[in-house]
N, C-alpha and C. Protein backbone atom coordinates (compact mmCIF):
# COMPACT_ATOMS: atom_id res chain seq x y z
N MET A 1 -57.54 54.49 10.48
CA MET A 1 -57.21 55.82 10.13
C MET A 1 -58.45 56.65 10.36
N LYS A 2 -58.23 57.75 11.01
CA LYS A 2 -59.43 58.66 11.38
C LYS A 2 -59.01 60.09 10.95
N VAL A 3 -59.88 60.70 10.15
CA VAL A 3 -59.59 62.09 9.71
C VAL A 3 -60.84 62.97 9.85
N LYS A 4 -60.62 64.25 9.95
CA LYS A 4 -61.69 65.24 9.95
C LYS A 4 -61.50 66.10 8.76
N PRO A 5 -62.59 66.71 8.26
CA PRO A 5 -62.46 67.70 7.17
C PRO A 5 -61.43 68.76 7.53
N THR A 6 -60.75 69.19 6.46
CA THR A 6 -59.60 70.06 6.66
C THR A 6 -60.00 71.46 7.19
N ILE A 7 -59.12 72.08 7.99
CA ILE A 7 -59.35 73.42 8.57
C ILE A 7 -59.28 74.55 7.47
N TRP A 8 -58.63 74.21 6.37
CA TRP A 8 -58.48 75.20 5.32
C TRP A 8 -59.81 75.62 4.74
N VAL A 9 -60.73 74.69 4.71
CA VAL A 9 -62.08 75.07 4.25
C VAL A 9 -62.82 76.03 5.11
N VAL A 10 -62.56 75.85 6.40
CA VAL A 10 -63.16 76.84 7.36
C VAL A 10 -62.52 78.21 7.24
N CYS A 11 -61.19 78.26 7.07
CA CYS A 11 -60.50 79.49 6.88
C CYS A 11 -60.97 80.19 5.58
N TYR A 12 -61.15 79.39 4.56
CA TYR A 12 -61.63 79.87 3.27
C TYR A 12 -63.05 80.47 3.42
N GLY A 13 -63.95 79.77 4.26
CA GLY A 13 -65.24 80.25 4.48
C GLY A 13 -65.26 81.62 5.19
N TYR A 14 -64.40 81.81 6.18
CA TYR A 14 -64.32 83.06 6.82
C TYR A 14 -63.76 84.20 5.94
N LEU A 15 -62.73 83.76 5.11
CA LEU A 15 -62.23 84.76 4.17
C LEU A 15 -63.30 85.18 3.17
N MET A 16 -64.12 84.26 2.68
CA MET A 16 -65.22 84.60 1.75
C MET A 16 -66.22 85.49 2.43
N ALA A 17 -66.48 85.24 3.74
CA ALA A 17 -67.41 86.02 4.44
C ALA A 17 -66.96 87.55 4.57
N VAL A 18 -65.66 87.67 4.83
CA VAL A 18 -65.08 88.95 4.93
C VAL A 18 -65.11 89.69 3.60
N VAL A 19 -64.76 89.00 2.53
CA VAL A 19 -64.78 89.62 1.23
C VAL A 19 -66.23 89.97 0.78
N PHE A 20 -67.16 89.12 1.04
CA PHE A 20 -68.51 89.36 0.79
C PHE A 20 -69.06 90.56 1.60
N SER A 21 -68.68 90.62 2.89
CA SER A 21 -69.10 91.74 3.68
C SER A 21 -68.56 93.09 3.14
N PHE A 22 -67.30 93.06 2.67
CA PHE A 22 -66.72 94.25 2.05
C PHE A 22 -67.57 94.78 0.88
N PHE A 23 -67.92 93.72 -0.04
CA PHE A 23 -68.66 94.20 -1.24
C PHE A 23 -70.11 94.60 -0.83
N VAL A 24 -70.70 93.95 0.18
CA VAL A 24 -72.03 94.42 0.60
C VAL A 24 -71.98 95.86 1.17
N HIS A 25 -70.91 96.14 1.95
CA HIS A 25 -70.78 97.51 2.48
C HIS A 25 -70.62 98.49 1.38
N ARG A 26 -69.80 98.17 0.37
CA ARG A 26 -69.57 99.05 -0.72
C ARG A 26 -70.89 99.27 -1.51
N PHE A 27 -71.72 98.17 -1.62
CA PHE A 27 -72.95 98.31 -2.40
C PHE A 27 -73.87 99.30 -1.59
N PHE A 28 -73.91 99.14 -0.25
CA PHE A 28 -74.81 100.00 0.53
C PHE A 28 -74.27 101.41 0.63
N LEU A 29 -73.02 101.64 0.31
CA LEU A 29 -72.49 103.00 0.25
C LEU A 29 -72.94 103.62 -1.10
N TRP A 30 -72.96 102.80 -2.18
CA TRP A 30 -73.24 103.29 -3.50
C TRP A 30 -74.73 103.40 -3.75
N CYS A 31 -75.53 102.48 -3.29
CA CYS A 31 -76.90 102.34 -3.66
C CYS A 31 -77.87 103.38 -3.01
N PRO A 32 -77.70 103.79 -1.74
CA PRO A 32 -78.70 104.68 -1.11
C PRO A 32 -79.14 105.89 -1.83
N PRO A 33 -78.25 106.68 -2.49
CA PRO A 33 -78.72 107.81 -3.17
C PRO A 33 -79.86 107.52 -4.24
N TYR A 34 -79.69 106.39 -4.91
CA TYR A 34 -80.69 106.00 -5.89
C TYR A 34 -82.00 105.54 -5.22
N LEU A 35 -81.76 104.75 -4.16
CA LEU A 35 -82.96 104.31 -3.40
C LEU A 35 -83.69 105.43 -2.70
N GLN A 36 -82.96 106.46 -2.27
CA GLN A 36 -83.61 107.61 -1.62
C GLN A 36 -84.55 108.32 -2.59
N GLU A 37 -84.18 108.43 -3.84
CA GLU A 37 -85.05 109.03 -4.87
C GLU A 37 -86.34 108.23 -5.01
N ILE A 38 -86.16 106.88 -4.96
CA ILE A 38 -87.37 106.01 -5.14
C ILE A 38 -88.29 106.18 -3.90
N VAL A 39 -87.71 106.13 -2.75
CA VAL A 39 -88.47 106.24 -1.50
C VAL A 39 -89.14 107.58 -1.41
N LYS A 40 -88.50 108.72 -1.82
CA LYS A 40 -89.10 110.00 -1.74
C LYS A 40 -90.40 110.10 -2.59
N ASN A 41 -90.41 109.34 -3.71
CA ASN A 41 -91.57 109.37 -4.55
C ASN A 41 -92.64 108.38 -4.17
N LEU A 42 -92.37 107.53 -3.23
CA LEU A 42 -93.40 106.60 -2.72
C LEU A 42 -94.23 107.36 -1.68
N ARG A 43 -95.51 107.02 -1.71
CA ARG A 43 -96.40 107.67 -0.79
C ARG A 43 -96.83 106.70 0.34
N GLY A 44 -96.78 107.09 1.56
CA GLY A 44 -97.20 106.23 2.57
C GLY A 44 -96.12 105.76 3.56
N LEU A 45 -94.89 105.62 3.03
CA LEU A 45 -93.79 105.19 3.84
C LEU A 45 -92.98 106.38 4.37
N PRO A 46 -92.94 106.59 5.62
CA PRO A 46 -92.07 107.78 6.12
C PRO A 46 -90.66 107.67 5.71
N PHE A 47 -90.14 108.73 5.26
CA PHE A 47 -88.76 108.82 4.82
C PHE A 47 -87.75 108.49 5.92
N SER A 48 -88.11 108.80 7.21
CA SER A 48 -87.21 108.57 8.30
C SER A 48 -86.87 107.13 8.57
N TRP A 49 -87.80 106.27 8.06
CA TRP A 49 -87.50 104.84 8.21
C TRP A 49 -86.47 104.33 7.21
N PHE A 50 -86.24 105.04 6.18
CA PHE A 50 -85.37 104.60 5.14
C PHE A 50 -83.95 104.25 5.60
N GLU A 51 -83.28 105.13 6.32
CA GLU A 51 -81.95 104.83 6.77
C GLU A 51 -81.92 103.69 7.75
N THR A 52 -82.87 103.63 8.60
CA THR A 52 -82.90 102.49 9.58
C THR A 52 -83.09 101.20 8.88
N ILE A 53 -83.97 101.16 7.84
CA ILE A 53 -84.11 99.94 7.15
C ILE A 53 -82.88 99.52 6.39
N LEU A 54 -82.26 100.47 5.75
CA LEU A 54 -80.94 100.16 5.06
C LEU A 54 -79.86 99.69 5.98
N TYR A 55 -79.78 100.33 7.15
CA TYR A 55 -78.74 99.93 8.14
C TYR A 55 -78.98 98.48 8.55
N TRP A 56 -80.20 98.13 8.82
CA TRP A 56 -80.44 96.70 9.30
C TRP A 56 -80.41 95.69 8.14
N MET A 57 -80.74 96.17 6.89
CA MET A 57 -80.54 95.20 5.81
C MET A 57 -79.09 94.89 5.55
N GLU A 58 -78.24 95.93 5.65
CA GLU A 58 -76.77 95.67 5.51
C GLU A 58 -76.30 94.75 6.63
N ARG A 59 -76.65 95.02 7.83
CA ARG A 59 -76.21 94.15 8.98
C ARG A 59 -76.72 92.72 8.84
N GLY A 60 -77.94 92.62 8.35
CA GLY A 60 -78.56 91.26 8.17
C GLY A 60 -77.82 90.48 7.13
N VAL A 61 -77.53 91.07 5.95
CA VAL A 61 -76.80 90.38 4.91
C VAL A 61 -75.40 89.94 5.35
N ILE A 62 -74.69 90.88 6.10
CA ILE A 62 -73.33 90.57 6.54
C ILE A 62 -73.50 89.46 7.61
N GLY A 63 -74.48 89.58 8.48
CA GLY A 63 -74.64 88.52 9.53
C GLY A 63 -74.92 87.12 8.95
N ILE A 64 -75.60 87.04 7.87
CA ILE A 64 -75.89 85.81 7.19
C ILE A 64 -74.54 85.22 6.60
N ALA A 65 -73.75 86.06 6.07
CA ALA A 65 -72.50 85.61 5.59
C ALA A 65 -71.58 85.00 6.70
N PHE A 66 -71.53 85.68 7.81
CA PHE A 66 -70.70 85.19 8.95
C PHE A 66 -71.32 83.94 9.59
N LEU A 67 -72.69 83.83 9.65
CA LEU A 67 -73.31 82.65 10.19
C LEU A 67 -73.10 81.45 9.29
N SER A 68 -72.95 81.67 7.95
CA SER A 68 -72.58 80.59 6.98
C SER A 68 -71.19 80.10 7.33
N ALA A 69 -70.24 80.97 7.63
CA ALA A 69 -68.88 80.53 7.96
C ALA A 69 -68.85 79.75 9.28
N VAL A 70 -69.66 80.25 10.27
CA VAL A 70 -69.68 79.58 11.51
C VAL A 70 -70.38 78.19 11.37
N TYR A 71 -71.30 78.11 10.54
CA TYR A 71 -71.98 76.77 10.21
C TYR A 71 -70.92 75.82 9.74
N HIS A 72 -70.10 76.20 8.71
CA HIS A 72 -69.14 75.36 8.18
C HIS A 72 -68.14 75.01 9.22
N ASN A 73 -67.77 75.92 10.12
CA ASN A 73 -66.82 75.63 11.21
C ASN A 73 -67.39 74.53 12.12
N ILE A 74 -68.58 74.70 12.56
CA ILE A 74 -69.22 73.66 13.38
C ILE A 74 -69.36 72.32 12.67
N TRP A 75 -69.71 72.39 11.37
CA TRP A 75 -69.80 71.16 10.56
C TRP A 75 -68.47 70.39 10.50
N LYS A 76 -67.33 71.19 10.35
CA LYS A 76 -66.02 70.60 10.30
C LYS A 76 -65.68 69.90 11.60
N LEU A 77 -66.04 70.55 12.75
CA LEU A 77 -65.77 69.95 14.00
C LEU A 77 -66.63 68.74 14.35
N ALA A 78 -67.76 68.66 13.69
CA ALA A 78 -68.76 67.54 13.94
C ALA A 78 -68.63 66.40 13.03
N THR A 79 -67.72 66.44 12.07
CA THR A 79 -67.62 65.41 11.06
C THR A 79 -66.33 64.57 11.21
N VAL A 80 -66.45 63.30 11.13
CA VAL A 80 -65.27 62.38 11.29
C VAL A 80 -65.41 61.23 10.25
N TYR A 81 -64.31 61.07 9.48
CA TYR A 81 -64.21 59.95 8.56
C TYR A 81 -63.26 58.95 9.18
N LYS A 82 -63.73 57.68 9.31
CA LYS A 82 -62.88 56.71 9.99
C LYS A 82 -62.81 55.37 9.26
N LEU A 83 -61.70 54.82 9.06
CA LEU A 83 -61.51 53.52 8.48
C LEU A 83 -61.22 52.51 9.58
N THR A 84 -62.16 51.61 9.86
CA THR A 84 -61.98 50.61 10.87
C THR A 84 -61.40 49.32 10.16
N ASP A 85 -61.39 48.20 10.94
CA ASP A 85 -60.97 46.93 10.42
C ASP A 85 -61.95 46.35 9.46
N HIS A 86 -63.29 46.67 9.56
CA HIS A 86 -64.30 46.10 8.75
C HIS A 86 -65.10 47.00 7.90
N ASP A 87 -65.05 48.33 8.15
CA ASP A 87 -65.91 49.22 7.39
C ASP A 87 -65.42 50.64 7.44
N ILE A 88 -66.06 51.51 6.69
CA ILE A 88 -65.82 52.94 6.56
C ILE A 88 -66.90 53.57 7.45
N GLN A 89 -66.58 54.38 8.38
CA GLN A 89 -67.58 55.02 9.19
C GLN A 89 -67.52 56.56 8.91
N ILE A 90 -68.72 57.12 8.68
CA ILE A 90 -68.87 58.59 8.44
C ILE A 90 -69.78 59.06 9.55
N ALA A 91 -69.23 59.83 10.51
CA ALA A 91 -70.08 60.33 11.61
C ALA A 91 -70.15 61.84 11.51
N ASN A 92 -71.39 62.34 11.75
CA ASN A 92 -71.69 63.72 11.80
C ASN A 92 -72.74 63.98 12.77
N TRP A 93 -72.60 65.02 13.60
CA TRP A 93 -73.66 65.36 14.59
C TRP A 93 -74.26 66.76 14.36
N PHE A 94 -73.87 67.35 13.20
CA PHE A 94 -74.42 68.71 12.92
C PHE A 94 -74.76 68.87 11.45
N PRO A 95 -75.91 69.27 11.11
CA PRO A 95 -77.00 69.84 11.82
C PRO A 95 -77.86 68.78 12.47
N MET A 96 -77.72 67.52 12.02
CA MET A 96 -78.45 66.46 12.81
C MET A 96 -77.47 65.26 12.88
N ARG A 97 -77.71 64.41 13.85
CA ARG A 97 -76.81 63.25 14.05
C ARG A 97 -77.02 62.30 12.93
N HIS A 98 -75.86 61.85 12.35
CA HIS A 98 -75.93 60.91 11.21
C HIS A 98 -74.68 60.06 11.28
N LEU A 99 -74.88 58.75 11.32
CA LEU A 99 -73.76 57.82 11.28
C LEU A 99 -74.01 56.83 10.18
N GLN A 100 -73.03 56.72 9.30
CA GLN A 100 -73.11 55.85 8.15
C GLN A 100 -71.95 54.87 8.16
N SER A 101 -72.27 53.66 7.98
CA SER A 101 -71.21 52.59 8.03
C SER A 101 -71.31 51.88 6.68
N VAL A 102 -70.17 51.77 6.00
CA VAL A 102 -70.13 51.07 4.71
C VAL A 102 -69.12 49.97 4.80
N PRO A 103 -69.50 48.68 4.66
CA PRO A 103 -68.58 47.60 4.73
C PRO A 103 -67.64 47.65 3.53
N TYR A 104 -66.41 47.21 3.72
CA TYR A 104 -65.47 47.28 2.64
C TYR A 104 -65.90 46.39 1.40
N GLY A 105 -66.59 45.33 1.70
CA GLY A 105 -67.08 44.48 0.66
C GLY A 105 -68.07 45.13 -0.32
N ALA A 106 -68.71 46.20 0.09
CA ALA A 106 -69.70 46.95 -0.69
C ALA A 106 -69.07 47.93 -1.58
N VAL A 107 -67.78 48.23 -1.49
CA VAL A 107 -67.10 49.28 -2.30
C VAL A 107 -66.86 48.69 -3.69
N LYS A 108 -67.39 49.42 -4.69
CA LYS A 108 -67.09 48.99 -6.09
C LYS A 108 -66.07 49.84 -6.77
N ARG A 109 -66.04 51.07 -6.47
CA ARG A 109 -65.10 52.02 -7.17
C ARG A 109 -64.73 53.13 -6.23
N LEU A 110 -63.51 53.64 -6.34
CA LEU A 110 -63.03 54.76 -5.51
C LEU A 110 -62.39 55.80 -6.38
N GLY A 111 -62.51 57.07 -5.90
CA GLY A 111 -61.91 58.18 -6.63
C GLY A 111 -61.81 59.40 -5.78
N PHE A 112 -61.14 60.36 -6.20
CA PHE A 112 -61.07 61.66 -5.50
C PHE A 112 -61.00 62.81 -6.44
N LYS A 113 -61.48 63.94 -5.94
CA LYS A 113 -61.42 65.20 -6.86
C LYS A 113 -60.79 66.25 -6.00
N GLN A 114 -60.04 67.06 -6.61
CA GLN A 114 -59.41 68.24 -5.99
C GLN A 114 -59.49 69.48 -6.87
N SER A 115 -59.87 70.59 -6.34
CA SER A 115 -59.77 71.83 -7.08
C SER A 115 -58.33 72.34 -7.04
N PHE A 116 -58.10 73.48 -7.70
CA PHE A 116 -56.75 74.02 -7.68
C PHE A 116 -56.36 74.40 -6.21
N LEU A 117 -57.34 74.98 -5.50
CA LEU A 117 -57.13 75.31 -4.10
C LEU A 117 -56.87 74.10 -3.28
N GLY A 118 -57.59 73.02 -3.57
CA GLY A 118 -57.43 71.74 -2.89
C GLY A 118 -56.09 71.12 -3.11
N VAL A 119 -55.54 71.22 -4.31
CA VAL A 119 -54.15 70.76 -4.59
C VAL A 119 -53.16 71.51 -3.80
N LEU A 120 -53.31 72.87 -3.74
CA LEU A 120 -52.40 73.67 -2.94
C LEU A 120 -52.41 73.38 -1.42
N LEU A 121 -53.67 73.24 -0.92
CA LEU A 121 -53.79 72.95 0.51
C LEU A 121 -53.92 71.53 0.92
N ASN A 122 -53.83 70.57 -0.07
CA ASN A 122 -53.89 69.13 0.11
C ASN A 122 -55.21 68.69 0.75
N TYR A 123 -56.31 69.04 0.14
CA TYR A 123 -57.57 68.47 0.56
C TYR A 123 -58.41 68.22 -0.72
N GLY A 124 -59.51 67.44 -0.53
CA GLY A 124 -60.31 67.15 -1.67
C GLY A 124 -61.55 66.37 -1.31
N HIS A 125 -62.30 65.89 -2.28
CA HIS A 125 -63.47 65.12 -2.02
C HIS A 125 -63.17 63.65 -2.48
N VAL A 126 -63.38 62.69 -1.60
CA VAL A 126 -63.19 61.30 -1.85
C VAL A 126 -64.56 60.76 -2.17
N GLU A 127 -64.58 59.98 -3.31
CA GLU A 127 -65.86 59.47 -3.77
C GLU A 127 -65.81 57.91 -3.70
N ILE A 128 -66.77 57.41 -2.97
CA ILE A 128 -66.85 55.89 -2.80
C ILE A 128 -68.15 55.38 -3.41
N ASP A 129 -68.02 54.63 -4.53
CA ASP A 129 -69.19 54.12 -5.19
C ASP A 129 -69.50 52.73 -4.69
N THR A 130 -70.66 52.56 -4.12
CA THR A 130 -71.09 51.26 -3.62
C THR A 130 -72.04 50.48 -4.54
N GLY A 131 -72.38 51.10 -5.71
CA GLY A 131 -73.30 50.50 -6.60
C GLY A 131 -74.77 50.66 -6.15
N SER A 132 -74.97 51.47 -5.16
CA SER A 132 -76.38 51.65 -4.67
C SER A 132 -77.12 52.65 -5.52
N ALA A 133 -78.42 52.59 -5.44
CA ALA A 133 -79.27 53.46 -6.21
C ALA A 133 -79.19 54.92 -5.69
N GLN A 134 -78.72 55.13 -4.49
CA GLN A 134 -78.63 56.50 -3.96
C GLN A 134 -77.36 57.22 -4.48
N GLY A 135 -76.56 56.51 -5.25
CA GLY A 135 -75.36 57.11 -5.81
C GLY A 135 -74.14 57.03 -4.89
N PRO A 136 -73.01 57.60 -5.35
CA PRO A 136 -71.83 57.40 -4.58
C PRO A 136 -71.80 58.20 -3.27
N ILE A 137 -71.02 57.75 -2.33
CA ILE A 137 -70.84 58.43 -1.06
C ILE A 137 -69.73 59.41 -1.24
N LEU A 138 -69.85 60.66 -0.80
CA LEU A 138 -68.92 61.64 -0.97
C LEU A 138 -68.36 62.11 0.42
N LEU A 139 -67.04 61.97 0.57
CA LEU A 139 -66.42 62.45 1.80
C LEU A 139 -65.91 63.86 1.46
N VAL A 140 -66.60 64.85 1.91
CA VAL A 140 -66.28 66.26 1.50
C VAL A 140 -65.17 66.84 2.32
N ASN A 141 -64.27 67.49 1.63
CA ASN A 141 -63.16 68.25 2.22
C ASN A 141 -62.28 67.31 3.09
N CYS A 142 -61.91 66.17 2.56
CA CYS A 142 -61.10 65.20 3.25
C CYS A 142 -59.67 65.62 3.12
N PRO A 143 -58.87 65.70 4.23
CA PRO A 143 -57.46 66.05 4.14
C PRO A 143 -56.72 64.84 3.53
N LYS A 144 -55.69 65.18 2.75
CA LYS A 144 -54.84 64.21 2.08
C LYS A 144 -55.68 63.14 1.42
N PRO A 145 -56.46 63.53 0.38
CA PRO A 145 -57.40 62.54 -0.22
C PRO A 145 -56.66 61.38 -0.91
N LYS A 146 -55.53 61.62 -1.53
CA LYS A 146 -54.85 60.53 -2.22
C LYS A 146 -54.43 59.49 -1.20
N LYS A 147 -53.84 59.88 -0.05
CA LYS A 147 -53.40 58.91 0.92
C LYS A 147 -54.60 58.22 1.51
N PHE A 148 -55.65 58.91 1.78
CA PHE A 148 -56.89 58.30 2.35
C PHE A 148 -57.44 57.31 1.41
N MET A 149 -57.47 57.61 0.08
CA MET A 149 -57.99 56.70 -0.94
C MET A 149 -57.10 55.49 -1.06
N GLU A 150 -55.80 55.63 -1.05
CA GLU A 150 -54.88 54.52 -1.17
C GLU A 150 -55.00 53.58 0.06
N THR A 151 -55.11 54.12 1.24
CA THR A 151 -55.34 53.31 2.44
C THR A 151 -56.64 52.52 2.34
N LEU A 152 -57.69 53.22 1.91
CA LEU A 152 -58.99 52.64 1.70
C LEU A 152 -58.91 51.50 0.62
N GLN A 153 -58.21 51.79 -0.46
CA GLN A 153 -58.04 50.77 -1.52
C GLN A 153 -57.44 49.52 -0.97
N HIS A 154 -56.35 49.71 -0.21
CA HIS A 154 -55.64 48.57 0.37
C HIS A 154 -56.58 47.74 1.21
N LYS A 155 -57.37 48.39 2.11
CA LYS A 155 -58.33 47.67 3.00
C LYS A 155 -59.36 46.97 2.21
N VAL A 156 -59.88 47.62 1.15
CA VAL A 156 -60.92 46.96 0.30
C VAL A 156 -60.30 45.75 -0.41
N GLU A 157 -59.11 45.84 -0.93
CA GLU A 157 -58.42 44.68 -1.54
C GLU A 157 -58.23 43.59 -0.56
N GLU A 158 -57.94 43.86 0.70
CA GLU A 158 -57.75 42.81 1.74
C GLU A 158 -59.04 42.05 1.89
N VAL A 159 -60.16 42.71 1.86
CA VAL A 159 -61.46 42.05 2.05
C VAL A 159 -61.92 41.30 0.78
N LEU A 160 -61.79 41.87 -0.33
CA LEU A 160 -62.35 41.34 -1.58
C LEU A 160 -61.44 40.28 -2.21
N GLN A 161 -60.11 40.43 -2.05
CA GLN A 161 -59.17 39.53 -2.69
C GLN A 161 -58.04 39.11 -1.78
N PRO A 162 -58.32 38.41 -0.67
CA PRO A 162 -57.30 38.08 0.27
C PRO A 162 -56.26 37.17 -0.36
N GLN A 163 -56.71 36.26 -1.25
CA GLN A 163 -55.71 35.36 -1.84
C GLN A 163 -54.72 36.04 -2.74
N LEU A 164 -55.10 37.14 -3.39
CA LEU A 164 -54.10 37.92 -4.17
C LEU A 164 -53.04 38.55 -3.34
N LEU A 165 -53.44 39.06 -2.17
CA LEU A 165 -52.51 39.70 -1.25
C LEU A 165 -51.54 38.69 -0.66
N HIS A 166 -52.00 37.46 -0.46
CA HIS A 166 -51.09 36.44 0.07
C HIS A 166 -50.06 36.05 -1.03
N ASN A 167 -50.55 36.02 -2.29
CA ASN A 167 -49.66 35.68 -3.42
C ASN A 167 -48.57 36.74 -3.64
N ARG A 168 -48.88 38.03 -3.40
CA ARG A 168 -47.94 39.16 -3.54
C ARG A 168 -46.77 38.98 -2.46
N SER A 169 -47.20 38.58 -1.27
CA SER A 169 -46.15 38.58 -0.18
C SER A 169 -45.14 37.54 -0.34
């Protein structure tokens, strides 16, 4: 089983960037009259620079919001969660290449979390506890987390308790 983080998170990121940009624009429409009074009373800074600085401050803050959404988009494309015959592989190449392999025998506990939006769009965070000092491994924005966890649970049981599976059959 091979899955990528859900596209809904990327869409949510772009939506949040648009909403944030709207509020930043409204703030920069409301704030300048007050800031103009402050700048008029300052000595040494030419007043003509004021509008240029505000213009580029607004564009910079909006640009950061959209770059954040693009970052999450690239992260989504670069991340793969894969269940092989012997282990769980978590591969990511953005912002740096990272490959993590967890054998099924190391898994101690499984769980998943979903927000209200995650329930509606069927994605969530799968938590894999290996009992390591680093803490649990979190598969962020995993699509169909319940199905992924059940498949993983079955594979872990095959490795840890093969005699029980033969008795069930």
